Amino acid sequence: MAGTVTALAGGQRTLGAAVDAFLAQPRPATTACTYARTLERLAGQLGRDRPLAGVTGDELADAASALWGTLAPRTWNRHLATVGSFLAWCRRHGWPAGDLKLRADRRAASEDDTRAIPLPELERLWARPDVPLRERALWRLLYDSAARAEEVLGLDVPDLDLANRQARARVKGGHVRPLHFQTAAARLLAKLVAGREAGPVFLTERRAAAHRVMAATDLDPGSGRARLSYEMAGQLFKRYTGGKTLHQLRHSRLTHLGEANVSAPLLMAISGHKRLATLQRYVKPSQAAVAALMAASDPDRRGR
């Protein structure tokens, strides 16, 4: 990477060269794919050969609006965060970048995106015969582990320890943390990866297109199929659930565990949260759960 930065330091940098240098930084595979999809589209929209210093904030805002303006708030926010990370990285290297402040606002996520899905509804979803094995395995693992979708989609076959119901997920900063799951998820995963010893756990249905340059870690060496993307996984979940999001599986698991009186330290260990205040945004007990607690702890009611 040092060689790439040095080469850019002499002469005028182009937007494409800056994007390539940023994408060459080591990071988890799924994050790298997400960053690449966003920034390669941005560079294509604005022109890879444009001098970096000549790209203005207004142009960036217009490009973001054209590329992602009609997407859901959470997806819009993720693209903006990626562009923001790239711009901050350029500034840290002291690269003259003109007015690269992205003048576009984050959008509030819909209430549904932070609302737990009732467990009976999830159980009906698990049992649907029209849901493919890959999706059932992914959704059960996301729910059981209460993990972020990027963490689960970034898993490779050697990361799975099915006998002990665990997986090793790579998280921000290059760290590894265990994900825990239950027997139903383990059985589905065993069927999904049967006969494979390497490559991503969750794969696309077809081989990667010949014109797409992908990292070897994102391809299954046997079939040539690529790692399933966050966007595609999210679209499929919305299709089968009538508009719900993958992120709701994380909310749902933590809320259901909270309603079952699982302690906050255990919830933080499951979710990977470091601060209680952050966890509290995910654990949202329903009014029915509150009513059930009041009834169960009412001494006069028990005495009747």
C-alpha atoms as a PDB file:
ATOM      1  CA  MET A   1       0.000   0.000   0.000  1.00  0.00           C
ATOM      2  CA  ALA A   2       2.875   2.401   0.777  1.00  0.00           C
ATOM      3  CA  GLY A   3       3.991   2.131  -2.847  1.00  0.00           C
ATOM      4  CA  THR A   4       0.535   3.102  -4.071  1.00  0.00           C
ATOM      5  CA  VAL A   5       0.387   6.207  -1.904  1.00  0.00           C
ATOM      6  CA  THR A   6       3.914   7.219  -2.911  1.00  0.00           C
ATOM      7  CA  ALA A   7       3.086   6.881  -6.584  1.00  0.00           C
ATOM      8  CA  LEU A   8       0.085   9.130  -6.126  1.00  0.00           C
ATOM      9  CA  ALA A   9       2.085  11.710  -4.232  1.00  0.00           C
ATOM     10  CA  GLY A  10       3.884  12.904  -7.345  1.00  0.00           C
ATOM     11  CA  GLY A  11       1.779  14.692  -9.940  1.00  0.00           C
ATOM     12  CA  GLN A  12      -1.938  15.268 -10.094  1.00  0.00           C
ATOM     13  CA  ARG A  13      -4.094  12.572  -8.573  1.00  0.00           C
ATOM     14  CA  THR A  14      -7.191  11.361 -10.313  1.00  0.00           C
ATOM     15  CA  LEU A  15     -10.389  10.347  -8.562  1.00  0.00           C
ATOM     16  CA  GLY A  16      -9.973   6.785  -9.844  1.00  0.00           C
ATOM     17  CA  ALA A  17      -6.401   6.494  -8.526  1.00  0.00           C
ATOM     18  CA  ALA A  18      -7.491   7.777  -5.109  1.00  0.00           C
ATOM     19  CA  VAL A  19     -10.371   5.279  -4.991  1.00  0.00           C
ATOM     20  CA  ASP A  20      -8.048   2.413  -5.953  1.00  0.00           C
ATOM     21  CA  ALA A  21      -5.590   3.389  -3.212  1.00  0.00           C
ATOM     22  CA  PHE A  22      -8.345   3.572  -0.613  1.00  0.00           C
ATOM     23  CA  LEU A  23      -9.769   0.194  -1.642  1.00  0.00           C
ATOM     24  CA  ALA A  24      -6.317  -1.395  -1.373  1.00  0.00           C
ATOM     25  CA  GLN A  25      -6.367  -0.886   2.400  1.00  0.00           C
ATOM     26  CA  PRO A  26      -6.737  -4.162   4.381  1.00  0.00           C
ATOM     27  CA  ARG A  27     -10.232  -4.648   5.816  1.00  0.00           C
ATOM     28  CA  PRO A  28     -12.799  -7.459   6.286  1.00  0.00           C
ATOM     29  CA  ALA A  29     -13.930  -9.033   3.002  1.00  0.00           C
ATOM     30  CA  THR A  30     -17.564  -7.985   3.191  1.00  0.00           C
ATOM     31  CA  THR A  31     -16.664  -4.397   4.105  1.00  0.00           C
ATOM     32  CA  ALA A  32     -14.188  -4.306   1.212  1.00  0.00           C
ATOM     33  CA  CYS A  33     -16.898  -5.455  -1.220  1.00  0.00           C
ATOM     34  CA  THR A  34     -19.371  -2.901   0.103  1.00  0.00           C
ATOM     35  CA  TYR A  35     -16.836  -0.075  -0.177  1.00  0.00           C
ATOM     36  CA  ALA A  36     -15.838  -1.153  -3.684  1.00  0.00           C
ATOM     37  CA  ARG A  37     -19.415  -1.224  -4.977  1.00  0.00           C
ATOM     38  CA  THR A  38     -20.097   2.271  -3.662  1.00  0.00           C
ATOM     39  CA  LEU A  39     -16.861   3.978  -4.671  1.00  0.00           C
ATOM     40  CA  GLU A  40     -16.500   2.352  -8.081  1.00  0.00           C
ATOM     41  CA  ARG A  41     -19.985   3.539  -8.982  1.00  0.00           C
ATOM     42  CA  LEU A  42     -19.180   7.011  -7.667  1.00  0.00           C
ATOM     43  CA  ALA A  43     -15.976   7.169  -9.701  1.00  0.00           C
ATOM     44  CA  GLY A  44     -17.827   5.954 -12.774  1.00  0.00           C
ATOM     45  CA  GLN A  45     -20.496   8.618 -12.308  1.00  0.00           C
ATOM     46  CA  LEU A  46     -18.016  11.465 -11.913  1.00  0.00           C
ATOM     47  CA  GLY A  47     -15.244  10.116 -14.173  1.00  0.00           C
ATOM     48  CA  ARG A  48     -12.263   8.107 -12.970  1.00  0.00           C
ATOM     49  CA  ASP A  49      -9.844  10.358 -14.861  1.00  0.00           C
ATOM     50  CA  ARG A  50     -11.101  13.542 -13.212  1.00  0.00           C
ATOM     51  CA  PRO A  51      -8.463  15.374 -11.140  1.00  0.00           C
ATOM     52  CA  LEU A  52      -9.307  14.741  -7.498  1.00  0.00           C
ATOM     53  CA  ALA A  53      -8.820  18.410  -6.625  1.00  0.00           C
ATOM     54  CA  GLY A  54     -11.447  19.438  -9.170  1.00  0.00           C
ATOM     55  CA  VAL A  55     -14.337  17.403  -7.762  1.00  0.00           C
ATOM     56  CA  THR A  56     -16.623  19.705  -5.775  1.00  0.00           C
ATOM     57  CA  GLY A  57     -18.991  18.984  -2.941  1.00  0.00           C
ATOM     58  CA  ASP A  58     -21.970  19.937  -5.097  1.00  0.00           C
ATOM     59  CA  GLU A  59     -20.917  17.375  -7.710  1.00  0.00           C
ATOM     60  CA  LEU A  60     -20.567  14.708  -5.051  1.00  0.00           C
ATOM     61  CA  ALA A  61     -24.009  15.498  -3.642  1.00  0.00           C
ATOM     62  CA  ASP A  62     -25.548  15.416  -7.122  1.00  0.00           C
ATOM     63  CA  ALA A  63     -23.821  12.101  -7.923  1.00  0.00           C
ATOM     64  CA  ALA A  64     -24.980  10.556  -4.632  1.00  0.00           C
ATOM     65  CA  SER A  65     -28.538  11.681  -5.307  1.00  0.00           C
ATOM     66  CA  ALA A  66     -28.469  10.261  -8.842  1.00  0.00           C
ATOM     67  CA  LEU A  67     -26.986   6.924  -7.758  1.00  0.00           C
ATOM     68  CA  TRP A  68     -28.744   6.246  -4.463  1.00  0.00           C
ATOM     69  CA  GLY A  69     -31.374   8.923  -3.919  1.00  0.00           C
ATOM     70  CA  THR A  70     -34.323   6.562  -4.355  1.00  0.00           C
ATOM     71  CA  LEU A  71     -33.000   3.831  -2.033  1.00  0.00           C
ATOM     72  CA  ALA A  72     -34.182   3.063   1.493  1.00  0.00           C
ATOM     73  CA  PRO A  73     -32.843   5.369   4.235  1.00  0.00           C
ATOM     74  CA  ARG A  74     -30.511   2.784   5.763  1.00  0.00           C
ATOM     75  CA  THR A  75     -28.993   1.956   2.361  1.00  0.00           C
ATOM     76  CA  TRP A  76     -28.656   5.653   1.508  1.00  0.00           C
ATOM     77  CA  ASN A  77     -26.928   6.269   4.842  1.00  0.00           C
ATOM     78  CA  ARG A  78     -24.531   3.363   4.261  1.00  0.00           C
ATOM     79  CA  HIS A  79     -23.453   4.755   0.886  1.00  0.00           C
ATOM     80  CA  LEU A  80     -22.961   8.219   2.410  1.00  0.00           C
ATOM     81  CA  ALA A  81     -20.881   6.758   5.243  1.00  0.00           C
ATOM     82  CA  THR A  82     -18.644   4.967   2.729  1.00  0.00           C
ATOM     83  CA  VAL A  83     -18.093   8.143   0.717  1.00  0.00           C
ATOM     84  CA  GLY A  84     -17.404  10.017   3.951  1.00  0.00           C
ATOM     85  CA  SER A  85     -14.786   7.436   4.982  1.00  0.00           C
ATOM     86  CA  PHE A  86     -13.076   7.783   1.608  1.00  0.00           C
ATOM     87  CA  LEU A  87     -13.007  11.589   1.798  1.00  0.00           C
ATOM     88  CA  ALA A  88     -11.665  11.562   5.354  1.00  0.00           C
ATOM     89  CA  TRP A  89      -8.939   9.118   4.277  1.00  0.00           C
ATOM     90  CA  CYS A  90      -7.925  11.465   1.451  1.00  0.00           C
ATOM     91  CA  ARG A  91      -7.715  14.392   3.856  1.00  0.00           C
ATOM     92  CA  ARG A  92      -5.604  12.412   6.322  1.00  0.00           C
ATOM     93  CA  HIS A  93      -3.061  11.872   3.540  1.00  0.00           C
ATOM     94  CA  GLY A  94      -2.958  15.613   2.873  1.00  0.00           C
ATOM     95  CA  TRP A  95      -4.176  15.206  -0.676  1.00  0.00           C
ATOM     96  CA  PRO A  96      -5.561  18.422  -2.193  1.00  0.00           C
ATOM     97  CA  ALA A  97      -9.122  17.435  -2.866  1.00  0.00           C
ATOM     98  CA  GLY A  98     -10.931  20.696  -3.475  1.00  0.00           C
ATOM     99  CA  ASP A  99     -14.236  21.068  -1.688  1.00  0.00           C
ATOM    100  CA  LEU A 100     -14.971  17.424  -0.954  1.00  0.00           C
ATOM    101  CA  LYS A 101     -17.449  18.001   1.830  1.00  0.00           C
ATOM    102  CA  LEU A 102     -20.468  15.910   0.919  1.00  0.00           C
ATOM    103  CA  ARG A 103     -23.468  18.191   1.223  1.00  0.00           C
ATOM    104  CA  ALA A 104     -26.137  15.531   1.576  1.00  0.00           C
ATOM    105  CA  ASP A 105     -28.105  14.722   4.691  1.00  0.00           C
ATOM    106  CA  ARG A 106     -28.470  11.408   6.425  1.00  0.00           C
ATOM    107  CA  ARG A 107     -32.038  10.133   6.491  1.00  0.00           C
ATOM    108  CA  ALA A 108     -33.920   8.784   9.446  1.00  0.00           C
ATOM    109  CA  ALA A 109     -34.541   5.040   9.169  1.00  0.00           C
ATOM    110  CA  SER A 110     -38.168   4.001   9.217  1.00  0.00           C
ATOM    111  CA  GLU A 111     -39.660   2.815  12.490  1.00  0.00           C
ATOM    112  CA  ASP A 112     -40.141  -0.661  11.024  1.00  0.00           C
ATOM    113  CA  ASP A 113     -36.379  -1.022  10.666  1.00  0.00           C
ATOM    114  CA  THR A 114     -35.954  -0.977  14.433  1.00  0.00           C
ATOM    115  CA  ARG A 115     -39.051  -2.954  15.375  1.00  0.00           C
ATOM    116  CA  ALA A 116     -38.908  -6.555  16.509  1.00  0.00           C
ATOM    117  CA  ILE A 117     -40.667  -9.185  14.415  1.00  0.00           C
ATOM    118  CA  PRO A 118     -42.969 -11.322  16.602  1.00  0.00           C
ATOM    119  CA  LEU A 119     -41.565 -14.790  17.207  1.00  0.00           C
ATOM    120  CA  PRO A 120     -44.659 -16.615  15.829  1.00  0.00           C
ATOM    121  CA  GLU A 121     -44.228 -14.689  12.577  1.00  0.00           C
ATOM    122  CA  LEU A 122     -40.571 -15.736  12.402  1.00  0.00           C
ATOM    123  CA  GLU A 123     -41.469 -19.357  13.107  1.00  0.00           C
ATOM    124  CA  ARG A 124     -43.911 -19.286  10.190  1.00  0.00           C
ATOM    125  CA  LEU A 125     -41.154 -17.818   8.031  1.00  0.00           C
ATOM    126  CA  TRP A 126     -38.685 -20.593   8.988  1.00  0.00           C
ATOM    127  CA  ALA A 127     -41.280 -23.200   8.038  1.00  0.00           C
ATOM    128  CA  ARG A 128     -42.193 -21.835   4.608  1.00  0.00           C
ATOM    129  CA  PRO A 129     -41.481 -24.481   1.938  1.00  0.00           C
ATOM    130  CA  ASP A 130     -40.866 -21.864  -0.762  1.00  0.00           C
ATOM    131  CA  VAL A 131     -37.857 -20.343   1.039  1.00  0.00           C
ATOM    132  CA  PRO A 132     -34.539 -21.706  -0.331  1.00  0.00           C
ATOM    133  CA  LEU A 133     -32.017 -23.394   1.961  1.00  0.00           C
ATOM    134  CA  ARG A 134     -29.490 -20.548   1.676  1.00  0.00           C
ATOM    135  CA  GLU A 135     -31.981 -17.958   2.874  1.00  0.00           C
ATOM    136  CA  ARG A 136     -33.280 -20.116   5.725  1.00  0.00           C
ATOM    137  CA  ALA A 137     -29.712 -20.761   6.927  1.00  0.00           C
ATOM    138  CA  LEU A 138     -28.793 -17.085   6.691  1.00  0.00           C
ATOM    139  CA  TRP A 139     -31.898 -15.849   8.474  1.00  0.00           C
ATOM    140  CA  ARG A 140     -31.698 -18.412  11.279  1.00  0.00           C
ATOM    141  CA  LEU A 141     -28.021 -17.621  11.837  1.00  0.00           C
ATOM    142  CA  LEU A 142     -28.694 -13.870  11.846  1.00  0.00           C
ATOM    143  CA  TYR A 143     -31.513 -14.305  14.339  1.00  0.00           C
ATOM    144  CA  ASP A 144     -29.771 -16.784  16.648  1.00  0.00           C
ATOM    145  CA  SER A 145     -26.511 -14.863  16.812  1.00  0.00           C
ATOM    146  CA  ALA A 146     -28.026 -11.343  16.813  1.00  0.00           C
ATOM    147  CA  ALA A 147     -25.048 -10.465  14.607  1.00  0.00           C
ATOM    148  CA  ARG A 148     -24.747  -7.724  12.047  1.00  0.00           C
ATOM    149  CA  ALA A 149     -25.549  -8.888   8.530  1.00  0.00           C
ATOM    150  CA  GLU A 150     -22.088  -7.864   7.308  1.00  0.00           C
ATOM    151  CA  GLU A 151     -20.462 -10.111   9.917  1.00  0.00           C
ATOM    152  CA  VAL A 152     -22.486 -13.167   8.906  1.00  0.00           C
ATOM    153  CA  LEU A 153     -22.158 -12.603   5.160  1.00  0.00           C
ATOM    154  CA  GLY A 154     -18.394 -12.303   5.643  1.00  0.00           C
ATOM    155  CA  LEU A 155     -18.098 -15.825   7.088  1.00  0.00           C
ATOM    156  CA  ASP A 156     -16.043 -18.455   5.263  1.00  0.00           C
ATOM    157  CA  VAL A 157     -16.568 -22.206   5.564  1.00  0.00           C
ATOM    158  CA  PRO A 158     -13.504 -22.702   7.869  1.00  0.00           C
ATOM    159  CA  ASP A 159     -14.998 -20.100  10.239  1.00  0.00           C
ATOM    160  CA  LEU A 160     -17.827 -22.483  11.150  1.00  0.00           C
ATOM    161  CA  ASP A 161     -17.588 -24.763  14.176  1.00  0.00           C
ATOM    162  CA  LEU A 162     -20.880 -26.591  13.793  1.00  0.00           C
ATOM    163  CA  ALA A 163     -20.196 -29.120  16.538  1.00  0.00           C
ATOM    164  CA  ASN A 164     -19.907 -26.337  19.098  1.00  0.00           C
ATOM    165  CA  ARG A 165     -22.543 -24.096  17.499  1.00  0.00           C
ATOM    166  CA  GLN A 166     -20.106 -21.249  16.954  1.00  0.00           C
ATOM    167  CA  ALA A 167     -18.577 -19.207  14.135  1.00  0.00           C
ATOM    168  CA  ARG A 168     -15.631 -16.784  14.003  1.00  0.00           C
ATOM    169  CA  ALA A 169     -16.711 -13.420  12.613  1.00  0.00           C
ATOM    170  CA  ARG A 170     -14.343 -10.676  11.513  1.00  0.00           C
ATOM    171  CA  VAL A 171     -15.473  -7.309  12.807  1.00  0.00           C
ATOM    172  CA  LYS A 172     -14.348  -3.704  12.539  1.00  0.00           C
ATOM    173  CA  GLY A 173     -10.673  -3.150  13.190  1.00  0.00           C
ATOM    174  CA  GLY A 174      -9.747  -6.629  12.001  1.00  0.00           C
ATOM    175  CA  HIS A 175     -10.784  -8.263  15.279  1.00  0.00           C
ATOM    176  CA  VAL A 176     -12.500 -11.646  15.538  1.00  0.00           C
ATOM    177  CA  ARG A 177     -15.449 -12.396  17.797  1.00  0.00           C
ATOM    178  CA  PRO A 178     -17.455 -15.591  18.252  1.00  0.00           C
ATOM    179  CA  LEU A 179     -21.035 -15.868  17.053  1.00  0.00           C
ATOM    180  CA  HIS A 180     -23.237 -18.386  18.837  1.00  0.00           C
ATOM    181  CA  PHE A 181     -26.202 -20.180  17.316  1.00  0.00           C
ATOM    182  CA  GLN A 182     -28.551 -23.058  18.023  1.00  0.00           C
ATOM    183  CA  THR A 183     -29.205 -26.528  16.627  1.00  0.00           C
ATOM    184  CA  ALA A 184     -31.703 -25.563  13.920  1.00  0.00           C
ATOM    185  CA  ALA A 185     -29.237 -23.105  12.407  1.00  0.00           C
ATOM    186  CA  ALA A 186     -26.404 -25.655  12.684  1.00  0.00           C
ATOM    187  CA  ARG A 187     -28.417 -28.238  10.751  1.00  0.00           C
ATOM    188  CA  LEU A 188     -29.214 -25.801   7.966  1.00  0.00           C
ATOM    189  CA  LEU A 189     -25.597 -24.656   7.737  1.00  0.00           C
ATOM    190  CA  ALA A 190     -24.384 -28.265   7.587  1.00  0.00           C
ATOM    191  CA  LYS A 191     -26.608 -28.874   4.552  1.00  0.00           C
ATOM    192  CA  LEU A 192     -25.586 -25.582   2.945  1.00  0.00           C
ATOM    193  CA  VAL A 193     -21.805 -26.169   3.104  1.00  0.00           C
ATOM    194  CA  ALA A 194     -21.844 -29.951   2.662  1.00  0.00           C
ATOM    195  CA  GLY A 195     -18.806 -31.066   0.661  1.00  0.00           C
ATOM    196  CA  ARG A 196     -17.101 -27.666   0.785  1.00  0.00           C
ATOM    197  CA  GLU A 197     -13.966 -26.881   2.767  1.00  0.00           C
ATOM    198  CA  ALA A 198     -13.227 -23.338   1.599  1.00  0.00           C
ATOM    199  CA  GLY A 199     -14.847 -20.229   0.212  1.00  0.00           C
ATOM    200  CA  PRO A 200     -17.677 -18.045   1.514  1.00  0.00           C
ATOM    201  CA  VAL A 201     -20.491 -19.725   3.427  1.00  0.00           C
ATOM    202  CA  PHE A 202     -23.200 -17.796   1.565  1.00  0.00           C
ATOM    203  CA  LEU A 203     -22.790 -17.808  -2.210  1.00  0.00           C
ATOM    204  CA  THR A 204     -24.568 -16.335  -5.202  1.00  0.00           C
ATOM    205  CA  GLU A 205     -26.640 -18.729  -7.284  1.00  0.00           C
ATOM    206  CA  ARG A 206     -24.493 -18.294 -10.410  1.00  0.00           C
ATOM    207  CA  ARG A 207     -20.795 -18.015 -11.194  1.00  0.00           C
ATOM    208  CA  ALA A 208     -19.313 -14.542 -10.948  1.00  0.00           C
ATOM    209  CA  ALA A 209     -19.427 -12.645 -14.257  1.00  0.00           C
ATOM    210  CA  ALA A 210     -16.182 -12.844 -16.224  1.00  0.00           C
ATOM    211  CA  HIS A 211     -15.826  -9.051 -16.423  1.00  0.00           C
ATOM    212  CA  ARG A 212     -15.998  -8.596 -12.646  1.00  0.00           C
ATOM    213  CA  VAL A 213     -12.637  -8.518 -10.885  1.00  0.00           C
ATOM    214  CA  MET A 214     -13.130 -10.039  -7.447  1.00  0.00           C
ATOM    215  CA  ALA A 215     -10.821 -10.935  -4.603  1.00  0.00           C
ATOM    216  CA  ALA A 216     -10.016 -14.645  -4.392  1.00  0.00           C
ATOM    217  CA  THR A 217     -11.389 -14.670  -0.836  1.00  0.00           C
ATOM    218  CA  ASP A 218     -14.833 -13.762  -2.190  1.00  0.00           C
ATOM    219  CA  LEU A 219     -15.028 -16.725  -4.575  1.00  0.00           C
ATOM    220  CA  ASP A 220     -15.769 -20.391  -4.003  1.00  0.00           C
ATOM    221  CA  PRO A 221     -12.783 -22.242  -5.498  1.00  0.00           C
ATOM    222  CA  GLY A 222     -14.904 -25.194  -6.555  1.00  0.00           C
ATOM    223  CA  SER A 223     -17.884 -23.545  -8.258  1.00  0.00           C
ATOM    224  CA  GLY A 224     -16.588 -20.071  -9.055  1.00  0.00           C
ATOM    225  CA  ARG A 225     -19.633 -18.550  -7.359  1.00  0.00           C
ATOM    226  CA  ALA A 226     -19.173 -15.296  -5.457  1.00  0.00           C
ATOM    227  CA  ARG A 227     -19.959 -14.208  -1.922  1.00  0.00           C
ATOM    228  CA  LEU A 228     -23.587 -13.165  -1.491  1.00  0.00           C
ATOM    229  CA  SER A 229     -23.809  -9.380  -1.227  1.00  0.00           C
ATOM    230  CA  TYR A 230     -25.615  -7.423   1.475  1.00  0.00           C
ATOM    231  CA  GLU A 231     -27.810  -5.773  -1.147  1.00  0.00           C
ATOM    232  CA  MET A 232     -29.004  -9.044  -2.659  1.00  0.00           C
ATOM    233  CA  ALA A 233     -29.549 -10.676   0.743  1.00  0.00           C
ATOM    234  CA  GLY A 234     -31.562  -7.654   1.857  1.00  0.00           C
ATOM    235  CA  GLN A 235     -33.701  -7.655  -1.289  1.00  0.00           C
ATOM    236  CA  LEU A 236     -34.536 -11.332  -0.863  1.00  0.00           C
ATOM    237  CA  PHE A 237     -35.542 -10.890   2.771  1.00  0.00           C
ATOM    238  CA  LYS A 238     -37.805  -7.992   1.843  1.00  0.00           C
ATOM    239  CA  ARG A 239     -39.369 -10.073  -0.918  1.00  0.00           C
ATOM    240  CA  TYR A 240     -40.255 -12.961   1.388  1.00  0.00           C
ATOM    241  CA  THR A 241     -41.349 -10.804   4.340  1.00  0.00           C
ATOM    242  CA  GLY A 242     -43.262  -8.033   2.605  1.00  0.00           C
ATOM    243  CA  GLY A 243     -40.717  -5.284   3.171  1.00  0.00           C
ATOM    244  CA  LYS A 244     -38.932  -6.127   6.407  1.00  0.00           C
ATOM    245  CA  THR A 245     -35.166  -5.698   6.697  1.00  0.00           C
ATOM    246  CA  LEU A 246     -32.327  -8.027   7.647  1.00  0.00           C
ATOM    247  CA  HIS A 247     -31.451  -5.590  10.430  1.00  0.00           C
ATOM    248  CA  GLN A 248     -34.763  -6.396  12.102  1.00  0.00           C
ATOM    249  CA  LEU A 249     -33.555  -9.937  12.801  1.00  0.00           C
ATOM    250  CA  ARG A 250     -30.865  -8.509  15.098  1.00  0.00           C
ATOM    251  CA  HIS A 251     -33.408  -6.250  16.801  1.00  0.00           C
ATOM    252  CA  SER A 252     -35.841  -9.128  17.119  1.00  0.00           C
ATOM    253  CA  ARG A 253     -33.406 -11.516  18.776  1.00  0.00           C
ATOM    254  CA  LEU A 254     -32.210  -8.963  21.318  1.00  0.00           C
ATOM    255  CA  THR A 255     -35.741  -7.831  22.095  1.00  0.00           C
ATOM    256  CA  HIS A 256     -36.984 -11.405  22.549  1.00  0.00           C
ATOM    257  CA  LEU A 257     -34.061 -12.218  24.835  1.00  0.00           C
ATOM    258  CA  GLY A 258     -34.672  -9.021  26.798  1.00  0.00           C
ATOM    259  CA  GLU A 259     -38.340  -9.948  27.222  1.00  0.00           C
ATOM    260  CA  ALA A 260     -37.146 -13.306  28.568  1.00  0.00           C
ATOM    261  CA  ASN A 261     -35.220 -11.412  31.283  1.00  0.00           C
ATOM    262  CA  VAL A 262     -31.740 -12.134  29.899  1.00  0.00           C
ATOM    263  CA  SER A 263     -29.333  -9.781  31.663  1.00  0.00           C
ATOM    264  CA  ALA A 264     -27.808  -6.749  29.958  1.00  0.00           C
ATOM    265  CA  PRO A 265     -24.202  -8.077  30.228  1.00  0.00           C
ATOM    266  CA  LEU A 266     -25.222 -11.284  28.452  1.00  0.00           C
ATOM    267  CA  LEU A 267     -27.070  -9.315  25.759  1.00  0.00           C
ATOM    268  CA  MET A 268     -23.960  -7.204  25.200  1.00  0.00           C
ATOM    269  CA  ALA A 269     -21.819 -10.333  24.910  1.00  0.00           C
ATOM    270  CA  ILE A 270     -24.221 -11.768  22.333  1.00  0.00           C
ATOM    271  CA  SER A 271     -24.585  -8.612  20.263  1.00  0.00           C
ATOM    272  CA  GLY A 272     -21.029  -7.317  20.469  1.00  0.00           C
ATOM    273  CA  HIS A 273     -22.093  -3.944  21.839  1.00  0.00           C
ATOM    274  CA  LYS A 274     -19.571  -2.129  24.011  1.00  0.00           C
ATOM    275  CA  ARG A 275     -21.924   0.423  25.533  1.00  0.00           C
ATOM    276  CA  LEU A 276     -25.219  -0.163  27.309  1.00  0.00           C
ATOM    277  CA  ALA A 277     -26.730   2.958  25.739  1.00  0.00           C
ATOM    278  CA  THR A 278     -26.183   1.510  22.272  1.00  0.00           C
ATOM    279  CA  LEU A 279     -27.707  -1.834  23.252  1.00  0.00           C
ATOM    280  CA  GLN A 280     -30.807  -0.109  24.577  1.00  0.00           C
ATOM    281  CA  ARG A 281     -31.660   1.100  21.070  1.00  0.00           C
ATOM    282  CA  TYR A 282     -32.038  -2.542  20.049  1.00  0.00           C
ATOM    283  CA  VAL A 283     -33.923  -3.988  22.999  1.00  0.00           C
ATOM    284  CA  LYS A 284     -37.497  -2.729  22.724  1.00  0.00           C
ATOM    285  CA  PRO A 285     -39.891  -4.882  24.745  1.00  0.00           C
ATOM    286  CA  SER A 286     -43.437  -4.922  23.390  1.00  0.00           C
ATOM    287  CA  GLN A 287     -46.420  -3.611  25.336  1.00  0.00           C
ATOM    288  CA  ALA A 288     -47.679  -7.191  25.522  1.00  0.00           C
ATOM    289  CA  ALA A 289     -44.448  -8.198  27.271  1.00  0.00           C
ATOM    290  CA  VAL A 290     -44.792  -5.303  29.713  1.00  0.00           C
ATOM    291  CA  ALA A 291     -48.395  -6.283  30.439  1.00  0.00           C
ATOM    292  CA  ALA A 292     -47.392  -9.916  30.972  1.00  0.00           C
ATOM    293  CA  LEU A 293     -44.692  -8.860  33.430  1.00  0.00           C
ATOM    294  CA  MET A 294     -47.124  -6.713  35.411  1.00  0.00           C
ATOM    295  CA  ALA A 295     -49.649  -9.535  35.546  1.00  0.00           C
ATOM    296  CA  ALA A 296     -47.064 -12.103  36.621  1.00  0.00           C
ATOM    297  CA  SER A 297     -45.765  -9.856  39.418  1.00  0.00           C
ATOM    298  CA  ASP A 298     -49.202  -8.739  40.678  1.00  0.00           C
ATOM    299  CA  PRO A 299     -49.716 -10.349  44.139  1.00  0.00           C
ATOM    300  CA  ASP A 300     -53.438  -9.640  44.214  1.00  0.00           C
ATOM    301  CA  ARG A 301     -53.914 -11.234  40.810  1.00  0.00           C
ATOM    302  CA  ARG A 302     -52.111 -14.390  41.933  1.00  0.00           C
ATOM    303  CA  GLY A 303     -54.272 -14.540  45.071  1.00  0.00           C
ATOM    304  CA  ARG A 304     -57.540 -14.753  43.190  1.00  0.00           C
END
